[in-house]
Amino acid sequence: MRRRRIVRQAGPVSRGGHMSYVPCPLCGDAVAGRIPQPLEELKLTCVHCKLTFRFDSSEVCSGLVFYNPETNRWKAHTLGSMLKI
């Protein structure tokens, strides 16, 4: 089993790390956690907008994902977005 490394940040952003996710087609938040595999029904529910949506296995991304409890949103950071910080 692969372990996920939890990365803690100071301030309002917490709970996150490197993980697989699918962008929500409605709000754009990262829907992370256990991603269904191709033999299962490829369906997820966004915790922010509550949309349940189907996805294709090619839509699964991998990157740093962080949760902001103040806004109740998950945000994925790509290498390009982190270089701008």
PDB file of N, CA and C in Angstrom:
ATOM      1  N   MET A   1       0.845  -1.171   0.000  1.00  0.00           N
ATOM      2  CA  MET A   1       0.000   0.000   0.000  1.00  0.00           C
ATOM      3  C   MET A   1       0.894   1.239   0.000  1.00  0.00           C
ATOM      4  N   ARG A   2       0.523   2.196  -0.799  1.00  0.00           N
ATOM      5  CA  ARG A   2       1.283   3.435  -0.910  1.00  0.00           C
ATOM      6  C   ARG A   2       0.818   4.419   0.157  1.00  0.00           C
ATOM      7  N   ARG A   3       1.751   5.012   0.881  1.00  0.00           N
ATOM      8  CA  ARG A   3       1.404   5.980   1.917  1.00  0.00           C
ATOM      9  C   ARG A   3       1.406   7.379   1.342  1.00  0.00           C
ATOM     10  N   ARG A   4       0.489   8.187   1.825  1.00  0.00           N
ATOM     11  CA  ARG A   4       0.437   9.586   1.415  1.00  0.00           C
ATOM     12  C   ARG A   4       1.138  10.415   2.463  1.00  0.00           C
ATOM     13  N   ARG A   5       1.948  11.333   2.024  1.00  0.00           N
ATOM     14  CA  ARG A   5       2.634  12.234   2.945  1.00  0.00           C
ATOM     15  C   ARG A   5       1.766  13.473   3.131  1.00  0.00           C
ATOM     16  N   ILE A   6       1.421  13.752   4.354  1.00  0.00           N
ATOM     17  CA  ILE A   6       0.598  14.917   4.655  1.00  0.00           C
ATOM     18  C   ILE A   6       1.513  16.121   4.817  1.00  0.00           C
ATOM     19  N   VAL A   7       1.214  17.168   4.073  1.00  0.00           N
ATOM     20  CA  VAL A   7       1.998  18.394   4.130  1.00  0.00           C
ATOM     21  C   VAL A   7       1.195  19.420   4.903  1.00  0.00           C
ATOM     22  N   ARG A   8       1.742  19.927   5.983  1.00  0.00           N
ATOM     23  CA  ARG A   8       1.052  20.932   6.796  1.00  0.00           C
ATOM     24  C   ARG A   8       1.578  22.309   6.447  1.00  0.00           C
ATOM     25  N   GLN A   9       0.671  23.274   6.355  1.00  0.00           N
ATOM     26  CA  GLN A   9       1.053  24.648   6.091  1.00  0.00           C
ATOM     27  C   GLN A   9       0.492  25.521   7.197  1.00  0.00           C
ATOM     28  N   ALA A  10       1.177  26.590   7.489  1.00  0.00           N
ATOM     29  CA  ALA A  10       0.687  27.545   8.486  1.00  0.00           C
ATOM     30  C   ALA A  10      -0.466  28.334   7.899  1.00  0.00           C
ATOM     31  N   GLY A  11      -1.345  28.813   8.740  1.00  0.00           N
ATOM     32  CA  GLY A  11      -2.458  29.635   8.278  1.00  0.00           C
ATOM     33  C   GLY A  11      -3.707  28.824   8.044  1.00  0.00           C
ATOM     34  N   PRO A  12      -4.638  29.382   7.262  1.00  0.00           N
ATOM     35  CA  PRO A  12      -5.938  28.748   7.102  1.00  0.00           C
ATOM     36  C   PRO A  12      -5.942  27.515   6.203  1.00  0.00           C
ATOM     37  N   VAL A  13      -4.871  27.236   5.489  1.00  0.00           N
ATOM     38  CA  VAL A  13      -4.831  26.079   4.605  1.00  0.00           C
ATOM     39  C   VAL A  13      -4.221  24.911   5.355  1.00  0.00           C
ATOM     40  N   SER A  14      -4.920  23.795   5.366  1.00  0.00           N
ATOM     41  CA  SER A  14      -4.426  22.623   6.083  1.00  0.00           C
ATOM     42  C   SER A  14      -4.905  21.357   5.391  1.00  0.00           C
ATOM     43  N   ARG A  15      -4.596  20.236   5.977  1.00  0.00           N
ATOM     44  CA  ARG A  15      -5.006  18.924   5.505  1.00  0.00           C
ATOM     45  C   ARG A  15      -4.815  18.747   4.013  1.00  0.00           C
ATOM     46  N   GLY A  16      -3.717  18.236   3.648  1.00  0.00           N
ATOM     47  CA  GLY A  16      -3.487  17.999   2.230  1.00  0.00           C
ATOM     48  C   GLY A  16      -2.209  17.237   2.008  1.00  0.00           C
ATOM     49  N   GLY A  17      -1.864  17.102   0.774  1.00  0.00           N
ATOM     50  CA  GLY A  17      -0.648  16.407   0.405  1.00  0.00           C
ATOM     51  C   GLY A  17      -0.711  16.013  -1.058  1.00  0.00           C
ATOM     52  N   HIS A  18       0.190  15.169  -1.465  1.00  0.00           N
ATOM     53  CA  HIS A  18       0.240  14.705  -2.849  1.00  0.00           C
ATOM     54  C   HIS A  18      -0.762  13.578  -3.002  1.00  0.00           C
ATOM     55  N   MET A  19      -1.716  13.738  -3.904  1.00  0.00           N
ATOM     56  CA  MET A  19      -2.725  12.706  -4.095  1.00  0.00           C
ATOM     57  C   MET A  19      -3.346  12.794  -5.481  1.00  0.00           C
ATOM     58  N   SER A  20      -4.097  11.770  -5.822  1.00  0.00           N
ATOM     59  CA  SER A  20      -4.842  11.754  -7.077  1.00  0.00           C
ATOM     60  C   SER A  20      -6.151  12.497  -6.869  1.00  0.00           C
ATOM     61  N   TYR A  21      -6.623  13.165  -7.914  1.00  0.00           N
ATOM     62  CA  TYR A  21      -7.873  13.907  -7.833  1.00  0.00           C
ATOM     63  C   TYR A  21      -8.478  14.056  -9.228  1.00  0.00           C
ATOM     64  N   VAL A  22      -9.748  14.440  -9.254  1.00  0.00           N
ATOM     65  CA  VAL A  22     -10.442  14.754 -10.496  1.00  0.00           C
ATOM     66  C   VAL A  22     -11.048  16.140 -10.314  1.00  0.00           C
ATOM     67  N   PRO A  23     -10.825  17.071 -11.230  1.00  0.00           N
ATOM     68  CA  PRO A  23     -11.440  18.398 -11.100  1.00  0.00           C
ATOM     69  C   PRO A  23     -12.967  18.311 -11.261  1.00  0.00           C
ATOM     70  N   CYS A  24     -13.693  18.998 -10.390  1.00  0.00           N
ATOM     71  CA  CYS A  24     -15.152  19.043 -10.486  1.00  0.00           C
ATOM     72  C   CYS A  24     -15.533  19.841 -11.731  1.00  0.00           C
ATOM     73  N   PRO A  25     -16.410  19.307 -12.580  1.00  0.00           N
ATOM     74  CA  PRO A  25     -16.781  20.044 -13.799  1.00  0.00           C
ATOM     75  C   PRO A  25     -17.622  21.294 -13.529  1.00  0.00           C
ATOM     76  N   LEU A  26     -18.217  21.415 -12.327  1.00  0.00           N
ATOM     77  CA  LEU A  26     -19.053  22.580 -12.025  1.00  0.00           C
ATOM     78  C   LEU A  26     -18.269  23.703 -11.352  1.00  0.00           C
ATOM     79  N   CYS A  27     -17.562  23.391 -10.247  1.00  0.00           N
ATOM     80  CA  CYS A  27     -16.882  24.449  -9.488  1.00  0.00           C
ATOM     81  C   CYS A  27     -15.359  24.445  -9.656  1.00  0.00           C
ATOM     82  N   GLY A  28     -14.796  23.372 -10.204  1.00  0.00           N
ATOM     83  CA  GLY A  28     -13.362  23.311 -10.436  1.00  0.00           C
ATOM     84  C   GLY A  28     -12.539  22.827  -9.257  1.00  0.00           C
ATOM     85  N   ASP A  29     -13.159  22.581  -8.090  1.00  0.00           N
ATOM     86  CA  ASP A  29     -12.413  22.076  -6.943  1.00  0.00           C
ATOM     87  C   ASP A  29     -11.871  20.683  -7.233  1.00  0.00           C
ATOM     88  N   ALA A  30     -10.793  20.336  -6.571  1.00  0.00           N
ATOM     89  CA  ALA A  30     -10.230  19.001  -6.690  1.00  0.00           C
ATOM     90  C   ALA A  30     -11.068  18.041  -5.853  1.00  0.00           C
ATOM     91  N   VAL A  31     -11.537  16.959  -6.460  1.00  0.00           N
ATOM     92  CA  VAL A  31     -12.265  15.917  -5.742  1.00  0.00           C
ATOM     93  C   VAL A  31     -11.265  14.790  -5.538  1.00  0.00           C
ATOM     94  N   ALA A  32     -10.745  14.702  -4.324  1.00  0.00           N
ATOM     95  CA  ALA A  32      -9.679  13.752  -4.004  1.00  0.00           C
ATOM     96  C   ALA A  32     -10.221  12.648  -3.106  1.00  0.00           C
ATOM     97  N   GLY A  33      -9.320  11.835  -2.622  1.00  0.00           N
ATOM     98  CA  GLY A  33      -9.712  10.718  -1.772  1.00  0.00           C
ATOM     99  C   GLY A  33      -9.578   9.435  -2.567  1.00  0.00           C
ATOM    100  N   ARG A  34     -10.438   8.480  -2.282  1.00  0.00           N
ATOM    101  CA  ARG A  34     -10.395   7.226  -3.013  1.00  0.00           C
ATOM    102  C   ARG A  34     -11.037   7.436  -4.386  1.00  0.00           C
ATOM    103  N   ILE A  35     -10.241   7.263  -5.431  1.00  0.00           N
ATOM    104  CA  ILE A  35     -10.715   7.415  -6.802  1.00  0.00           C
ATOM    105  C   ILE A  35     -11.122   6.028  -7.308  1.00  0.00           C
ATOM    106  N   PRO A  36     -12.376   5.852  -7.759  1.00  0.00           N
ATOM    107  CA  PRO A  36     -12.791   4.549  -8.290  1.00  0.00           C
ATOM    108  C   PRO A  36     -11.914   4.119  -9.466  1.00  0.00           C
ATOM    109  N   GLN A  37     -11.733   2.832  -9.609  1.00  0.00           N
ATOM    110  CA  GLN A  37     -10.934   2.261 -10.682  1.00  0.00           C
ATOM    111  C   GLN A  37     -11.841   1.845 -11.836  1.00  0.00           C
ATOM    112  N   PRO A  38     -11.281   1.624 -13.047  1.00  0.00           N
ATOM    113  CA  PRO A  38     -12.096   1.349 -14.236  1.00  0.00           C
ATOM    114  C   PRO A  38     -13.113   0.214 -14.112  1.00  0.00           C
ATOM    115  N   LEU A  39     -12.913  -0.795 -13.287  1.00  0.00           N
ATOM    116  CA  LEU A  39     -13.904  -1.858 -13.162  1.00  0.00           C
ATOM    117  C   LEU A  39     -15.085  -1.434 -12.282  1.00  0.00           C
ATOM    118  N   GLU A  40     -14.946  -0.340 -11.568  1.00  0.00           N
ATOM    119  CA  GLU A  40     -16.018   0.205 -10.742  1.00  0.00           C
ATOM    120  C   GLU A  40     -16.744   1.302 -11.513  1.00  0.00           C
ATOM    121  N   GLU A  41     -17.857   1.781 -10.944  1.00  0.00           N
ATOM    122  CA  GLU A  41     -18.552   2.912 -11.548  1.00  0.00           C
ATOM    123  C   GLU A  41     -17.710   4.165 -11.324  1.00  0.00           C
ATOM    124  N   LEU A  42     -17.325   4.860 -12.386  1.00  0.00           N
ATOM    125  CA  LEU A  42     -16.458   6.028 -12.295  1.00  0.00           C
ATOM    126  C   LEU A  42     -17.310   7.260 -12.005  1.00  0.00           C
ATOM    127  N   LYS A  43     -17.640   7.428 -10.731  1.00  0.00           N
ATOM    128  CA  LYS A  43     -18.521   8.503 -10.296  1.00  0.00           C
ATOM    129  C   LYS A  43     -17.996   9.054  -8.974  1.00  0.00           C
ATOM    130  N   LEU A  44     -17.990  10.390  -8.839  1.00  0.00           N
ATOM    131  CA  LEU A  44     -17.540  11.066  -7.622  1.00  0.00           C
ATOM    132  C   LEU A  44     -18.549  12.146  -7.246  1.00  0.00           C
ATOM    133  N   THR A  45     -18.477  12.609  -5.980  1.00  0.00           N
ATOM    134  CA  THR A  45     -19.314  13.711  -5.511  1.00  0.00           C
ATOM    135  C   THR A  45     -18.406  14.786  -4.941  1.00  0.00           C
ATOM    136  N   CYS A  46     -18.572  16.015  -5.419  1.00  0.00           N
ATOM    137  CA  CYS A  46     -17.785  17.159  -4.947  1.00  0.00           C
ATOM    138  C   CYS A  46     -18.281  17.567  -3.558  1.00  0.00           C
ATOM    139  N   VAL A  47     -17.357  17.739  -2.611  1.00  0.00           N
ATOM    140  CA  VAL A  47     -17.751  18.133  -1.261  1.00  0.00           C
ATOM    141  C   VAL A  47     -18.162  19.591  -1.190  1.00  0.00           C
ATOM    142  N   HIS A  48     -17.746  20.404  -2.152  1.00  0.00           N
ATOM    143  CA  HIS A  48     -18.090  21.823  -2.122  1.00  0.00           C
ATOM    144  C   HIS A  48     -19.484  22.095  -2.706  1.00  0.00           C
ATOM    145  N   CYS A  49     -19.688  21.728  -3.965  1.00  0.00           N
ATOM    146  CA  CYS A  49     -20.961  22.056  -4.629  1.00  0.00           C
ATOM    147  C   CYS A  49     -21.956  20.894  -4.612  1.00  0.00           C
ATOM    148  N   LYS A  50     -21.534  19.734  -4.100  1.00  0.00           N
ATOM    149  CA  LYS A  50     -22.393  18.544  -3.953  1.00  0.00           C
ATOM    150  C   LYS A  50     -22.795  17.897  -5.276  1.00  0.00           C
ATOM    151  N   LEU A  51     -22.165  18.272  -6.377  1.00  0.00           N
ATOM    152  CA  LEU A  51     -22.458  17.671  -7.674  1.00  0.00           C
ATOM    153  C   LEU A  51     -21.882  16.258  -7.726  1.00  0.00           C
ATOM    154  N   THR A  52     -22.705  15.291  -8.124  1.00  0.00           N
ATOM    155  CA  THR A  52     -22.224  13.937  -8.386  1.00  0.00           C
ATOM    156  C   THR A  52     -22.040  13.832  -9.891  1.00  0.00           C
ATOM    157  N   PHE A  53     -20.848  13.426 -10.309  1.00  0.00           N
ATOM    158  CA  PHE A  53     -20.537  13.409 -11.736  1.00  0.00           C
ATOM    159  C   PHE A  53     -19.751  12.164 -12.111  1.00  0.00           C
ATOM    160  N   ARG A  54     -19.894  11.778 -13.364  1.00  0.00           N
ATOM    161  CA  ARG A  54     -19.107  10.672 -13.923  1.00  0.00           C
ATOM    162  C   ARG A  54     -17.833  11.268 -14.520  1.00  0.00           C
ATOM    163  N   PHE A  55     -16.788  10.471 -14.532  1.00  0.00           N
ATOM    164  CA  PHE A  55     -15.522  10.931 -15.096  1.00  0.00           C
ATOM    165  C   PHE A  55     -14.872   9.800 -15.863  1.00  0.00           C
ATOM    166  N   ASP A  56     -13.949  10.151 -16.719  1.00  0.00           N
ATOM    167  CA  ASP A  56     -13.172   9.194 -17.487  1.00  0.00           C
ATOM    168  C   ASP A  56     -11.842   8.996 -16.775  1.00  0.00           C
ATOM    169  N   SER A  57     -11.260   7.821 -16.850  1.00  0.00           N
ATOM    170  CA  SER A  57      -9.987   7.567 -16.166  1.00  0.00           C
ATOM    171  C   SER A  57      -8.873   8.486 -16.668  1.00  0.00           C
ATOM    172  N   SER A  58      -9.011   9.045 -17.871  1.00  0.00           N
ATOM    173  CA  SER A  58      -7.992   9.971 -18.385  1.00  0.00           C
ATOM    174  C   SER A  58      -8.060  11.334 -17.691  1.00  0.00           C
ATOM    175  N   GLU A  59      -9.142  11.613 -16.948  1.00  0.00           N
ATOM    176  CA  GLU A  59      -9.295  12.886 -16.247  1.00  0.00           C
ATOM    177  C   GLU A  59      -8.633  12.900 -14.869  1.00  0.00           C
ATOM    178  N   VAL A  60      -8.158  11.755 -14.413  1.00  0.00           N
ATOM    179  CA  VAL A  60      -7.529  11.679 -13.093  1.00  0.00           C
ATOM    180  C   VAL A  60      -6.169  12.362 -13.139  1.00  0.00           C
ATOM    181  N   CYS A  61      -5.963  13.323 -12.234  1.00  0.00           N
ATOM    182  CA  CYS A  61      -4.711  14.062 -12.135  1.00  0.00           C
ATOM    183  C   CYS A  61      -4.003  13.680 -10.848  1.00  0.00           C
ATOM    184  N   SER A  62      -2.782  14.106 -10.717  1.00  0.00           N
ATOM    185  CA  SER A  62      -2.014  13.871  -9.507  1.00  0.00           C
ATOM    186  C   SER A  62      -1.262  15.146  -9.177  1.00  0.00           C
ATOM    187  N   GLY A  63      -1.284  15.537  -7.913  1.00  0.00           N
ATOM    188  CA  GLY A  63      -0.587  16.751  -7.522  1.00  0.00           C
ATOM    189  C   GLY A  63      -0.789  17.061  -6.059  1.00  0.00           C
ATOM    190  N   LEU A  64      -0.348  18.236  -5.648  1.00  0.00           N
ATOM    191  CA  LEU A  64      -0.522  18.684  -4.275  1.00  0.00           C
ATOM    192  C   LEU A  64      -1.923  19.258  -4.122  1.00  0.00           C
ATOM    193  N   VAL A  65      -2.661  18.724  -3.172  1.00  0.00           N
ATOM    194  CA  VAL A  65      -4.040  19.142  -2.935  1.00  0.00           C
ATOM    195  C   VAL A  65      -4.155  19.582  -1.484  1.00  0.00           C
ATOM    196  N   PHE A  66      -4.725  20.774  -1.254  1.00  0.00           N
ATOM    197  CA  PHE A  66      -4.866  21.314   0.098  1.00  0.00           C
ATOM    198  C   PHE A  66      -6.303  21.726   0.358  1.00  0.00           C
ATOM    199  N   TYR A  67      -6.713  21.604   1.620  1.00  0.00           N
ATOM    200  CA  TYR A  67      -8.064  21.976   2.045  1.00  0.00           C
ATOM    201  C   TYR A  67      -8.010  23.266   2.844  1.00  0.00           C
ATOM    202  N   ASN A  68      -8.911  24.203   2.529  1.00  0.00           N
ATOM    203  CA  ASN A  68      -9.019  25.445   3.273  1.00  0.00           C
ATOM    204  C   ASN A  68     -10.325  25.393   4.069  1.00  0.00           C
ATOM    205  N   PRO A  69     -10.264  25.204   5.402  1.00  0.00           N
ATOM    206  CA  PRO A  69     -11.490  25.086   6.192  1.00  0.00           C
ATOM    207  C   PRO A  69     -12.312  26.369   6.245  1.00  0.00           C
ATOM    208  N   GLU A  70     -11.696  27.513   6.029  1.00  0.00           N
ATOM    209  CA  GLU A  70     -12.443  28.775   6.048  1.00  0.00           C
ATOM    210  C   GLU A  70     -13.408  28.890   4.877  1.00  0.00           C
ATOM    211  N   THR A  71     -13.012  28.351   3.734  1.00  0.00           N
ATOM    212  CA  THR A  71     -13.865  28.413   2.547  1.00  0.00           C
ATOM    213  C   THR A  71     -14.516  27.070   2.227  1.00  0.00           C
ATOM    214  N   ASN A  72     -14.124  25.996   2.955  1.00  0.00           N
ATOM    215  CA  ASN A  72     -14.609  24.637   2.717  1.00  0.00           C
ATOM    216  C   ASN A  72     -14.339  24.217   1.276  1.00  0.00           C
ATOM    217  N   ARG A  73     -13.117  24.514   0.790  1.00  0.00           N
ATOM    218  CA  ARG A  73     -12.747  24.210  -0.591  1.00  0.00           C
ATOM    219  C   ARG A  73     -11.433  23.440  -0.642  1.00  0.00           C
ATOM    220  N   TRP A  74     -11.316  22.559  -1.645  1.00  0.00           N
ATOM    221  CA  TRP A  74     -10.085  21.844  -1.942  1.00  0.00           C
ATOM    222  C   TRP A  74      -9.461  22.499  -3.161  1.00  0.00           C
ATOM    223  N   LYS A  75      -8.167  22.724  -3.122  1.00  0.00           N
ATOM    224  CA  LYS A  75      -7.450  23.386  -4.215  1.00  0.00           C
ATOM    225  C   LYS A  75      -6.252  22.532  -4.607  1.00  0.00           C
ATOM    226  N   ALA A  76      -6.116  22.262  -5.900  1.00  0.00           N
ATOM    227  CA  ALA A  76      -4.971  21.511  -6.410  1.00  0.00           C
ATOM    228  C   ALA A  76      -3.925  22.502  -6.889  1.00  0.00           C
ATOM    229  N   HIS A  77      -2.678  22.212  -6.578  1.00  0.00           N
ATOM    230  CA  HIS A  77      -1.566  23.060  -7.003  1.00  0.00           C
ATOM    231  C   HIS A  77      -0.694  22.268  -7.963  1.00  0.00           C
ATOM    232  N   THR A  78      -0.530  22.808  -9.160  1.00  0.00           N
ATOM    233  CA  THR A  78       0.357  22.183 -10.129  1.00  0.00           C
ATOM    234  C   THR A  78       1.742  22.794  -9.983  1.00  0.00           C
ATOM    235  N   LEU A  79       2.716  22.206 -10.612  1.00  0.00           N
ATOM    236  CA  LEU A  79       4.078  22.731 -10.551  1.00  0.00           C
ATOM    237  C   LEU A  79       4.113  24.159 -11.076  1.00  0.00           C
ATOM    238  N   GLY A  80       3.374  24.440 -12.145  1.00  0.00           N
ATOM    239  CA  GLY A  80       3.347  25.786 -12.716  1.00  0.00           C
ATOM    240  C   GLY A  80       2.770  26.815 -11.766  1.00  0.00           C
ATOM    241  N   SER A  81       1.702  26.465 -11.058  1.00  0.00           N
ATOM    242  CA  SER A  81       1.090  27.425 -10.129  1.00  0.00           C
ATOM    243  C   SER A  81       1.968  27.649  -8.898  1.00  0.00           C
ATOM    244  N   MET A  82       2.743  26.652  -8.510  1.00  0.00           N
ATOM    245  CA  MET A  82       3.610  26.792  -7.340  1.00  0.00           C
ATOM    246  C   MET A  82       4.825  27.648  -7.663  1.00  0.00           C
ATOM    247  N   LEU A  83       5.244  27.675  -8.921  1.00  0.00           N
ATOM    248  CA  LEU A  83       6.396  28.487  -9.292  1.00  0.00           C
ATOM    249  C   LEU A  83       6.068  29.978  -9.251  1.00  0.00           C
ATOM    250  N   LYS A  84       4.776  30.322  -9.357  1.00  0.00           N
ATOM    251  CA  LYS A  84       4.348  31.718  -9.340  1.00  0.00           C
ATOM    252  C   LYS A  84       4.278  32.288  -7.927  1.00  0.00           C
ATOM    253  N   ILE A  85       4.266  31.423  -6.918  1.00  0.00           N
ATOM    254  CA  ILE A  85       4.124  31.877  -5.529  1.00  0.00           C
ATOM    255  C   ILE A  85       5.345  32.659  -5.088  1.00  0.00           C
TER     256      ILE A  85
END
